[in-house]
N, C-alpha and C. Protein backbone atom coordinates (compact mmCIF):
# COMPACT_ATOMS: atom_id res chain seq x y z
N UNK A 1 81.60 17.42 100.66
CA UNK A 1 82.85 16.72 101.51
C UNK A 1 82.66 16.47 102.83
N UNK A 2 82.14 15.02 103.10
CA UNK A 2 82.33 15.05 104.64
C UNK A 2 83.37 14.94 105.22
N UNK A 3 83.31 15.66 106.64
CA UNK A 3 84.77 15.84 107.28
C UNK A 3 84.31 14.68 108.37
N UNK A 4 85.97 14.01 108.70
CA UNK A 4 85.76 13.13 109.30
C UNK A 4 86.35 13.33 110.83
N UNK A 5 85.46 12.62 111.81
CA UNK A 5 85.82 13.30 113.06
C UNK A 5 86.78 11.90 113.79
N UNK A 6 87.22 12.54 114.98
CA UNK A 6 87.95 11.46 115.51
C UNK A 6 87.36 10.76 116.20
N UNK A 7 87.68 9.24 116.67
CA UNK A 7 86.69 8.55 117.17
C UNK A 7 87.52 8.73 118.89
N UNK A 8 86.41 8.73 119.58
CA UNK A 8 87.20 9.01 121.27
C UNK A 8 87.76 7.88 121.53
N UNK A 9 88.85 8.14 122.34
CA UNK A 9 89.73 7.53 122.60
C UNK A 9 89.30 6.84 123.84
N UNK A 10 88.33 7.00 124.54
CA UNK A 10 87.85 6.85 125.93
C UNK A 10 86.48 6.38 126.06
N UNK A 11 86.12 5.75 124.63
CA UNK A 11 84.87 5.50 124.80
C UNK A 11 84.42 4.19 125.28
N UNK A 12 83.36 4.61 126.05
CA UNK A 12 82.66 3.58 127.22
C UNK A 12 83.42 3.34 128.63
N UNK A 13 84.61 4.03 128.56
CA UNK A 13 85.05 4.30 129.99
C UNK A 13 85.06 5.52 130.78
N UNK A 14 84.28 6.50 130.15
CA UNK A 14 83.79 8.01 130.99
C UNK A 14 83.27 8.70 130.25
N UNK A 15 82.38 9.27 130.80
CA UNK A 15 81.40 10.20 130.09
C UNK A 15 82.08 11.61 129.66
N UNK A 16 81.24 12.33 128.63
CA UNK A 16 81.96 13.54 128.21
C UNK A 16 81.66 14.24 129.65
N UNK A 17 80.70 14.10 130.17
CA UNK A 17 80.55 15.09 131.46
C UNK A 17 81.46 14.74 132.37
N UNK A 18 81.93 13.94 132.64
CA UNK A 18 82.93 13.46 133.50
C UNK A 18 84.42 13.94 132.84
N UNK A 19 84.48 13.71 131.86
CA UNK A 19 86.03 14.06 131.16
C UNK A 19 85.93 15.47 131.22
N UNK A 20 85.06 16.20 131.08
CA UNK A 20 84.69 17.95 130.78
C UNK A 20 85.28 18.07 132.26
N UNK A 21 84.52 17.44 133.46
CA UNK A 21 84.99 17.76 134.77
C UNK A 21 86.63 17.40 135.31
N UNK A 22 87.18 16.37 134.34
CA UNK A 22 88.68 16.00 135.09
C UNK A 22 89.24 17.27 134.18
N UNK A 23 88.92 17.63 132.97
CA UNK A 23 89.85 18.46 132.53
C UNK A 23 89.73 19.87 133.23
N UNK A 24 88.72 20.10 133.65
CA UNK A 24 88.70 21.62 134.64
C UNK A 24 89.27 21.00 135.84
N UNK A 25 89.19 20.45 135.97
CA UNK A 25 90.16 19.99 137.62
C UNK A 25 91.64 20.53 137.30
N UNK A 26 92.16 19.77 136.39
CA UNK A 26 93.67 20.08 135.84
C UNK A 26 93.83 21.67 135.34
N UNK A 27 92.85 22.06 134.62
CA UNK A 27 92.63 23.52 134.25
C UNK A 27 93.51 24.38 135.58
N UNK A 28 92.09 23.89 136.43
CA UNK A 28 92.37 24.74 137.87
C UNK A 28 93.80 24.41 138.61
N UNK A 29 94.00 23.20 138.20
CA UNK A 29 95.51 23.00 139.17
C UNK A 29 96.77 24.22 138.30
N UNK A 30 96.88 24.25 137.05
CA UNK A 30 97.67 24.92 136.41
C UNK A 30 97.77 26.21 136.66
N UNK A 31 96.34 27.08 136.74
CA UNK A 31 96.22 28.24 137.48
C UNK A 31 96.44 28.40 138.50
N UNK A 32 96.32 27.35 139.65
CA UNK A 32 96.29 27.52 140.75
C UNK A 32 98.30 27.54 141.09
N UNK A 33 99.07 26.83 140.48
CA UNK A 33 100.25 26.49 140.80
C UNK A 33 100.88 27.97 139.95
N UNK A 34 100.09 28.68 138.89
CA UNK A 34 100.70 29.69 138.71
C UNK A 34 100.41 31.33 139.56
N UNK A 35 99.79 30.74 140.66
CA UNK A 35 99.45 31.80 141.42
C UNK A 35 98.32 32.73 140.77
N UNK A 36 97.38 32.16 139.90
CA UNK A 36 96.17 32.65 139.42
C UNK A 36 95.33 32.58 140.05
N UNK A 37 94.22 33.56 139.76
CA UNK A 37 92.93 33.35 140.20
C UNK A 37 91.90 32.48 139.34
N UNK A 38 91.35 31.64 139.67
CA UNK A 38 90.63 30.44 138.53
C UNK A 38 89.60 30.98 138.45
N UNK A 39 89.28 31.63 137.21
CA UNK A 39 88.19 32.35 136.97
C UNK A 39 87.25 31.48 135.59
N UNK A 40 86.59 30.46 136.58
CA UNK A 40 85.90 29.39 135.74
C UNK A 40 85.05 29.98 134.08
N UNK A 41 84.96 31.39 134.00
CA UNK A 41 84.26 31.32 133.10
C UNK A 41 84.97 31.65 131.92
N UNK A 42 86.19 31.41 132.11
CA UNK A 42 87.22 31.36 131.11
C UNK A 42 87.52 30.07 130.56
N UNK A 43 87.42 29.05 131.31
CA UNK A 43 87.31 27.68 130.86
C UNK A 43 86.98 27.08 129.55
N UNK A 44 85.87 27.25 129.10
CA UNK A 44 85.09 26.36 128.09
C UNK A 44 85.55 27.46 126.79
N UNK A 45 85.76 28.77 127.00
CA UNK A 45 86.28 29.60 126.12
C UNK A 45 87.93 29.46 125.56
N UNK A 46 88.59 29.12 126.47
CA UNK A 46 89.75 28.74 126.30
C UNK A 46 89.95 26.92 125.63
N UNK A 47 89.21 26.29 125.97
CA UNK A 47 89.16 25.06 125.39
C UNK A 47 88.72 25.09 123.82
N UNK A 48 87.79 25.68 123.81
CA UNK A 48 87.30 25.74 122.60
C UNK A 48 88.25 26.79 121.45
N UNK A 49 88.96 27.64 122.11
CA UNK A 49 89.90 28.09 121.30
C UNK A 49 90.98 27.52 121.06
N UNK A 50 91.43 26.80 121.94
CA UNK A 50 92.91 25.67 121.70
C UNK A 50 92.47 24.51 120.89
N UNK A 51 91.16 24.02 121.10
CA UNK A 51 91.02 22.67 120.84
C UNK A 51 89.34 22.43 119.68
N UNK A 52 89.00 23.20 119.59
CA UNK A 52 87.76 23.35 118.71
C UNK A 52 86.23 22.83 119.32
N UNK A 53 85.60 22.22 118.71
CA UNK A 53 84.27 21.93 119.17
C UNK A 53 84.09 21.12 120.31
N UNK A 54 83.31 22.04 121.21
CA UNK A 54 83.36 21.32 123.04
C UNK A 54 82.25 20.20 122.94
N UNK A 55 81.88 20.28 121.63
CA UNK A 55 80.39 19.09 121.50
C UNK A 55 81.43 17.48 121.66
N UNK A 56 82.33 17.41 121.37
CA UNK A 56 83.19 16.22 120.69
C UNK A 56 83.59 15.87 121.91
N UNK A 57 83.95 14.49 122.16
CA UNK A 57 84.49 13.89 123.43
C UNK A 57 85.99 14.20 123.17
N UNK A 58 86.21 14.02 121.72
CA UNK A 58 87.84 14.07 121.11
C UNK A 58 88.38 15.27 121.76
N UNK A 59 87.58 16.15 121.72
CA UNK A 59 88.27 17.79 121.75
C UNK A 59 88.77 17.97 123.31
N UNK A 60 87.91 17.13 124.33
CA UNK A 60 87.81 17.03 125.49
C UNK A 60 89.33 16.20 126.01
N UNK A 61 89.52 15.34 125.37
CA UNK A 61 90.48 14.31 125.50
C UNK A 61 91.85 14.90 125.18
N UNK A 62 91.86 15.44 124.13
CA UNK A 62 93.15 16.88 123.82
C UNK A 62 93.43 17.60 124.57
N UNK A 63 92.41 18.49 125.11
CA UNK A 63 92.39 19.30 126.30
C UNK A 63 93.14 18.63 127.70
N UNK A 64 92.62 17.41 127.94
CA UNK A 64 93.11 16.75 129.17
C UNK A 64 94.50 16.62 129.14
N UNK A 65 94.92 15.81 127.76
CA UNK A 65 96.28 15.77 127.78
C UNK A 65 97.50 16.96 127.78
N UNK A 66 96.75 18.18 126.85
CA UNK A 66 97.70 19.19 126.95
C UNK A 66 97.65 19.77 128.30
N UNK A 67 96.30 19.92 129.12
CA UNK A 67 96.47 21.04 130.50
C UNK A 67 97.24 20.27 131.55
N UNK A 68 97.25 18.45 131.26
CA UNK A 68 98.00 17.74 132.43
C UNK A 68 99.42 17.57 131.97
N UNK A 69 99.83 17.83 130.97
CA UNK A 69 101.58 17.97 130.42
C UNK A 69 101.42 19.62 131.08
N UNK A 70 101.01 20.23 130.92
CA UNK A 70 100.92 21.64 131.22
C UNK A 70 101.70 21.76 132.78
N UNK A 71 100.39 20.97 133.80
CA UNK A 71 100.56 21.05 135.01
C UNK A 71 101.87 20.15 135.29
N UNK A 72 101.78 19.27 134.63
CA UNK A 72 103.34 18.34 134.87
C UNK A 72 104.57 19.31 134.61
N UNK A 73 104.80 19.81 133.47
CA UNK A 73 105.97 20.82 133.57
C UNK A 73 106.22 22.23 134.75
N UNK A 74 104.87 22.58 134.66
CA UNK A 74 104.97 23.48 135.57
C UNK A 74 104.89 23.29 136.86
N UNK A 75 104.85 22.09 137.28
CA UNK A 75 104.73 21.71 138.68
C UNK A 75 105.71 20.75 139.51
N UNK A 76 106.38 19.81 138.67
CA UNK A 76 107.16 18.90 139.08
C UNK A 76 108.77 19.11 138.66
N UNK A 77 109.34 19.20 139.92
CA UNK A 77 110.63 19.53 139.71
C UNK A 77 111.64 18.68 139.94
N UNK A 78 111.22 17.34 140.86
CA UNK A 78 112.33 16.30 140.94
C UNK A 78 111.97 15.31 139.71
N UNK A 79 113.24 14.11 139.66
CA UNK A 79 113.19 13.10 138.39
C UNK A 79 112.16 11.98 138.93
N UNK A 80 112.30 11.57 140.26
CA UNK A 80 111.65 10.68 140.66
C UNK A 80 110.00 10.78 140.24
N UNK A 81 109.91 11.80 141.00
CA UNK A 81 108.15 12.37 140.83
C UNK A 81 107.83 12.51 139.31
N UNK A 82 108.75 13.33 138.28
CA UNK A 82 108.46 13.25 136.92
C UNK A 82 107.82 12.18 136.31
N UNK A 83 108.97 11.10 136.61
CA UNK A 83 108.91 9.70 135.74
C UNK A 83 107.52 8.87 136.62
N UNK A 84 107.34 9.12 137.58
CA UNK A 84 106.44 8.17 138.66
C UNK A 84 105.11 8.78 137.52
N UNK A 85 105.00 9.89 137.51
CA UNK A 85 103.59 10.66 137.20
C UNK A 85 103.47 10.36 135.63
N UNK A 86 104.54 10.26 135.15
CA UNK A 86 104.65 9.82 133.73
C UNK A 86 104.39 8.35 133.23
N UNK A 87 104.06 7.53 134.37
CA UNK A 87 104.28 5.82 134.03
C UNK A 87 103.08 5.22 134.09
N UNK A 88 102.30 5.22 132.61
CA UNK A 88 100.96 4.86 132.41
C UNK A 88 100.47 3.58 132.92
N UNK A 89 101.07 2.83 133.32
CA UNK A 89 100.75 1.52 134.21
C UNK A 89 100.35 1.79 135.24
N UNK A 90 100.34 3.24 135.82
CA UNK A 90 99.53 3.98 137.37
C UNK A 90 98.48 4.65 137.05
N UNK A 91 98.22 4.79 135.58
CA UNK A 91 96.69 5.42 135.28
C UNK A 91 95.43 4.84 135.16
N UNK A 92 94.47 5.26 135.49
CA UNK A 92 93.04 4.63 135.48
C UNK A 92 93.12 4.27 133.84
N UNK A 93 92.13 3.60 133.92
CA UNK A 93 91.64 3.10 132.18
C UNK A 93 91.68 4.08 131.36
N UNK A 94 90.58 4.99 131.51
CA UNK A 94 90.60 6.21 130.65
C UNK A 94 92.01 7.08 130.33
N UNK A 95 92.49 7.08 131.33
CA UNK A 95 93.51 8.07 131.40
C UNK A 95 94.51 7.24 130.57
N UNK A 96 94.73 5.65 130.84
CA UNK A 96 95.78 5.05 130.28
C UNK A 96 95.60 5.24 128.67
N UNK A 97 93.97 5.33 128.08
CA UNK A 97 93.76 5.42 126.62
C UNK A 97 93.96 6.56 126.16
N UNK A 98 94.57 7.63 126.98
CA UNK A 98 94.87 8.89 126.46
C UNK A 98 96.48 8.81 126.29
N UNK A 99 96.85 7.90 126.22
CA UNK A 99 98.62 7.70 126.92
C UNK A 99 99.69 8.34 125.62
N UNK A 100 99.20 7.99 124.54
CA UNK A 100 99.41 8.47 122.86
C UNK A 100 99.69 10.35 122.61
N UNK A 101 97.95 10.71 123.17
CA UNK A 101 97.88 11.93 123.09
C UNK A 101 98.74 12.66 123.91
N UNK A 102 99.03 12.02 125.46
CA UNK A 102 99.75 12.69 126.48
C UNK A 102 101.34 12.65 126.30
N UNK A 103 101.68 11.65 125.51
CA UNK A 103 103.24 11.43 124.80
C UNK A 103 102.96 12.73 124.01
N UNK A 104 102.45 12.83 122.94
CA UNK A 104 102.59 13.58 121.66
C UNK A 104 102.71 15.24 122.66
N UNK A 105 101.55 15.33 123.36
CA UNK A 105 101.35 16.62 124.00
C UNK A 105 103.17 17.16 124.48
N UNK A 106 103.26 16.06 125.31
CA UNK A 106 104.47 16.20 126.17
C UNK A 106 105.54 16.64 125.14
N UNK A 107 105.81 15.66 124.40
CA UNK A 107 107.03 16.07 123.16
C UNK A 107 107.07 17.60 122.52
N UNK A 108 105.72 17.82 122.61
CA UNK A 108 105.48 19.14 121.93
C UNK A 108 105.79 20.37 122.87
N UNK A 109 105.87 20.16 123.72
CA UNK A 109 105.90 20.96 125.20
C UNK A 109 107.68 21.44 124.67
N UNK A 110 107.82 22.80 124.59
CA UNK A 110 109.46 23.23 124.43
C UNK A 110 110.07 22.89 125.73
N UNK A 111 109.96 22.60 126.93
CA UNK A 111 110.37 22.41 127.81
C UNK A 111 111.06 20.62 127.98
N UNK A 112 110.11 19.84 127.16
CA UNK A 112 110.15 18.45 127.58
C UNK A 112 111.81 17.91 127.35
N UNK A 113 112.35 18.30 126.56
CA UNK A 113 113.43 17.66 126.13
C UNK A 113 114.75 18.06 127.35
N UNK A 114 114.54 19.42 127.61
CA UNK A 114 115.52 19.50 129.07
C UNK A 114 115.15 18.90 130.75
N UNK A 115 113.87 19.04 130.39
CA UNK A 115 113.13 18.38 131.87
C UNK A 115 113.54 16.99 131.88
N UNK A 116 113.18 16.22 130.63
CA UNK A 116 113.21 14.85 130.87
C UNK A 116 114.77 14.51 130.68
N UNK A 117 115.61 15.27 130.02
CA UNK A 117 117.26 14.84 130.16
C UNK A 117 117.53 14.94 131.72
N UNK A 118 117.22 16.19 132.32
CA UNK A 118 117.57 16.83 133.37
C UNK A 118 117.19 15.39 134.70
N UNK A 119 115.49 15.17 134.21
CA UNK A 119 115.15 14.16 135.31
C UNK A 119 115.94 12.80 135.12
N UNK A 120 115.90 12.34 133.90
CA UNK A 120 116.67 10.93 133.77
C UNK A 120 118.06 11.21 134.26
N UNK A 121 119.23 12.01 134.24
CA UNK A 121 120.20 12.33 134.73
C UNK A 121 120.25 12.04 136.36
N UNK A 122 119.30 12.62 136.56
CA UNK A 122 119.39 12.47 138.25
C UNK A 122 118.97 11.20 138.49
N UNK A 123 118.08 10.64 138.29
CA UNK A 123 117.69 9.32 138.34
C UNK A 123 118.99 7.80 138.09
N UNK A 124 119.79 8.57 137.06
CA UNK A 124 120.82 7.72 136.86
C UNK A 124 122.01 8.00 138.34
N UNK A 125 122.08 9.33 138.49
CA UNK A 125 123.12 9.44 139.52
C UNK A 125 122.71 9.15 140.80
N UNK A 126 121.29 8.47 140.97
CA UNK A 126 120.60 7.83 142.28
C UNK A 126 120.47 6.54 142.03
N UNK A 127 121.10 6.18 141.08
CA UNK A 127 120.62 4.67 140.82
C UNK A 127 119.11 4.25 140.81
N UNK A 128 118.05 5.04 140.03
CA UNK A 128 116.87 4.72 140.20
C UNK A 128 116.33 4.69 138.77
N UNK A 129 117.38 4.50 137.89
CA UNK A 129 116.90 4.31 136.38
C UNK A 129 115.35 3.82 136.20
N UNK A 130 114.98 2.74 137.05
CA UNK A 130 113.81 2.08 136.63
C UNK A 130 112.76 2.81 136.92
N UNK A 131 112.57 3.94 137.55
CA UNK A 131 111.82 4.71 137.43
C UNK A 131 111.16 5.15 136.32
N UNK A 132 112.34 5.34 135.60
CA UNK A 132 111.79 5.74 133.96
C UNK A 132 111.37 4.49 132.92
N UNK A 133 111.22 3.58 133.32
CA UNK A 133 111.06 2.71 132.78
C UNK A 133 109.51 2.69 131.95
N UNK A 134 108.29 3.33 132.71
CA UNK A 134 106.99 3.50 132.29
C UNK A 134 107.15 4.39 130.96
N UNK A 135 107.46 5.85 131.26
CA UNK A 135 107.97 6.28 129.72
C UNK A 135 108.56 5.84 128.76
N UNK A 136 109.74 4.87 128.79
CA UNK A 136 111.05 4.70 128.06
C UNK A 136 109.65 3.24 127.26
N UNK A 137 108.84 2.69 128.14
CA UNK A 137 108.41 1.97 127.43
C UNK A 137 106.94 2.32 126.67
N UNK A 138 106.39 3.32 127.01
CA UNK A 138 105.30 4.16 126.24
C UNK A 138 105.92 4.83 124.80
N UNK A 139 107.36 5.47 124.87
CA UNK A 139 107.88 5.78 124.07
C UNK A 139 108.18 4.82 122.91
N UNK A 140 108.24 3.65 123.31
CA UNK A 140 108.86 2.30 122.30
C UNK A 140 107.63 2.33 122.10
N UNK A 141 106.52 1.91 122.56
CA UNK A 141 105.19 1.48 122.08
C UNK A 141 104.64 2.40 121.01
N UNK A 142 104.96 3.68 121.56
CA UNK A 142 104.41 4.68 120.50
C UNK A 142 105.24 4.60 119.05
N UNK A 143 106.64 4.22 119.17
CA UNK A 143 107.68 4.19 117.82
C UNK A 143 107.05 2.78 117.14
N UNK A 144 106.83 1.71 117.74
CA UNK A 144 106.39 0.82 117.21
C UNK A 144 105.01 0.70 116.72
N UNK A 145 104.32 1.33 117.06
CA UNK A 145 102.41 1.60 116.61
C UNK A 145 102.74 2.29 115.57
N UNK A 146 103.61 3.75 115.18
CA UNK A 146 103.60 4.63 114.32
C UNK A 146 104.14 3.39 112.76
N UNK A 147 105.17 2.81 113.54
CA UNK A 147 105.75 2.00 112.16
C UNK A 147 104.80 1.32 111.80
N UNK A 148 104.08 0.51 112.42
CA UNK A 148 102.87 -0.61 112.24
C UNK A 148 101.78 0.28 111.43
N UNK A 149 101.59 1.04 111.59
CA UNK A 149 100.47 2.02 110.73
C UNK A 149 101.20 2.58 109.59
N UNK A 150 102.43 3.03 109.47
CA UNK A 150 102.93 3.65 108.60
C UNK A 150 102.75 5.05 108.23
N UNK A 151 101.54 5.71 109.62
CA UNK A 151 101.16 7.12 109.76
C UNK A 151 101.93 7.94 109.94
N UNK A 152 101.88 9.03 109.69
CA UNK A 152 102.65 10.34 110.37
C UNK A 152 101.87 10.34 111.80
N UNK A 153 102.71 10.90 112.81
CA UNK A 153 102.01 11.05 113.95
C UNK A 153 101.47 12.36 113.86
N UNK A 154 100.45 12.70 114.49
CA UNK A 154 99.72 13.89 114.69
C UNK A 154 99.75 14.55 116.23
N UNK A 155 100.75 15.82 116.32
CA UNK A 155 100.71 16.34 117.68
C UNK A 155 99.90 17.14 117.78
N UNK A 156 99.35 16.84 119.19
CA UNK A 156 98.72 17.85 119.80
C UNK A 156 99.03 19.18 120.18
N UNK A 157 98.77 20.10 119.08
CA UNK A 157 99.29 21.15 119.49
C UNK A 157 98.13 22.46 119.45
N UNK A 158 98.00 23.37 120.34
CA UNK A 158 96.88 24.13 120.33
C UNK A 158 97.18 25.29 119.67
N UNK A 159 96.26 25.74 119.31
CA UNK A 159 96.26 27.12 118.28
C UNK A 159 96.65 28.11 118.92
N UNK A 160 97.70 29.07 118.21
CA UNK A 160 98.17 29.97 118.50
C UNK A 160 97.13 31.15 118.10
N UNK A 161 97.28 32.55 119.16
CA UNK A 161 96.81 33.59 118.30
C UNK A 161 96.84 34.31 116.72
N UNK A 162 98.26 33.86 116.45
CA UNK A 162 98.45 34.50 115.00
C UNK A 162 97.78 33.31 114.14
N UNK A 163 97.85 31.73 114.19
CA UNK A 163 96.95 31.02 113.85
C UNK A 163 95.31 31.34 113.51
N UNK A 164 94.73 31.59 114.76
CA UNK A 164 93.46 32.10 114.88
C UNK A 164 93.16 33.67 113.80
N UNK A 165 94.22 34.31 114.21
CA UNK A 165 93.99 35.89 113.25
C UNK A 165 94.02 35.32 111.63
N UNK A 166 94.84 34.17 111.13
CA UNK A 166 95.23 33.59 110.15
C UNK A 166 93.61 33.15 108.95
N UNK A 167 92.94 32.50 110.10
CA UNK A 167 91.87 31.52 109.98
C UNK A 167 90.59 32.32 109.45
N UNK A 168 91.12 33.71 110.07
CA UNK A 168 89.86 34.30 110.03
C UNK A 168 89.83 35.58 109.02
């Protein structure tokens, strides 16, 4: 049986080497924001453990979305910045193509619901609801897209230790 591979979302927009460098950059942000010492030798093993085959561009796309969301949740505390960062219309072309992966990674994060709710409440209280338009439009687009294709959405969830142990 032949295994199907996901087609890269950023085909022709960024090379796998540049994407890998972007993933490394965001991975470093997370470690530095947690006051951790960045150990570059742990980067590729962590990406491989969480997302699989490092030769595939789609692996690096999933890793970028995952680490970007991890950085966002860990570092952004005010509502207006939260929604500004999550406005896909402000993203570069290759990042824009990862918008659905990023939204799925965000929705899978355990702090997503409370952080988004609190951030939106802040915007409403300061009459800045317009700042949330980008993320709300992305969510609407994702729902329409899912209904159009009538498929289940695949949530980007990293493998946990227990899942890795079960597969062995």
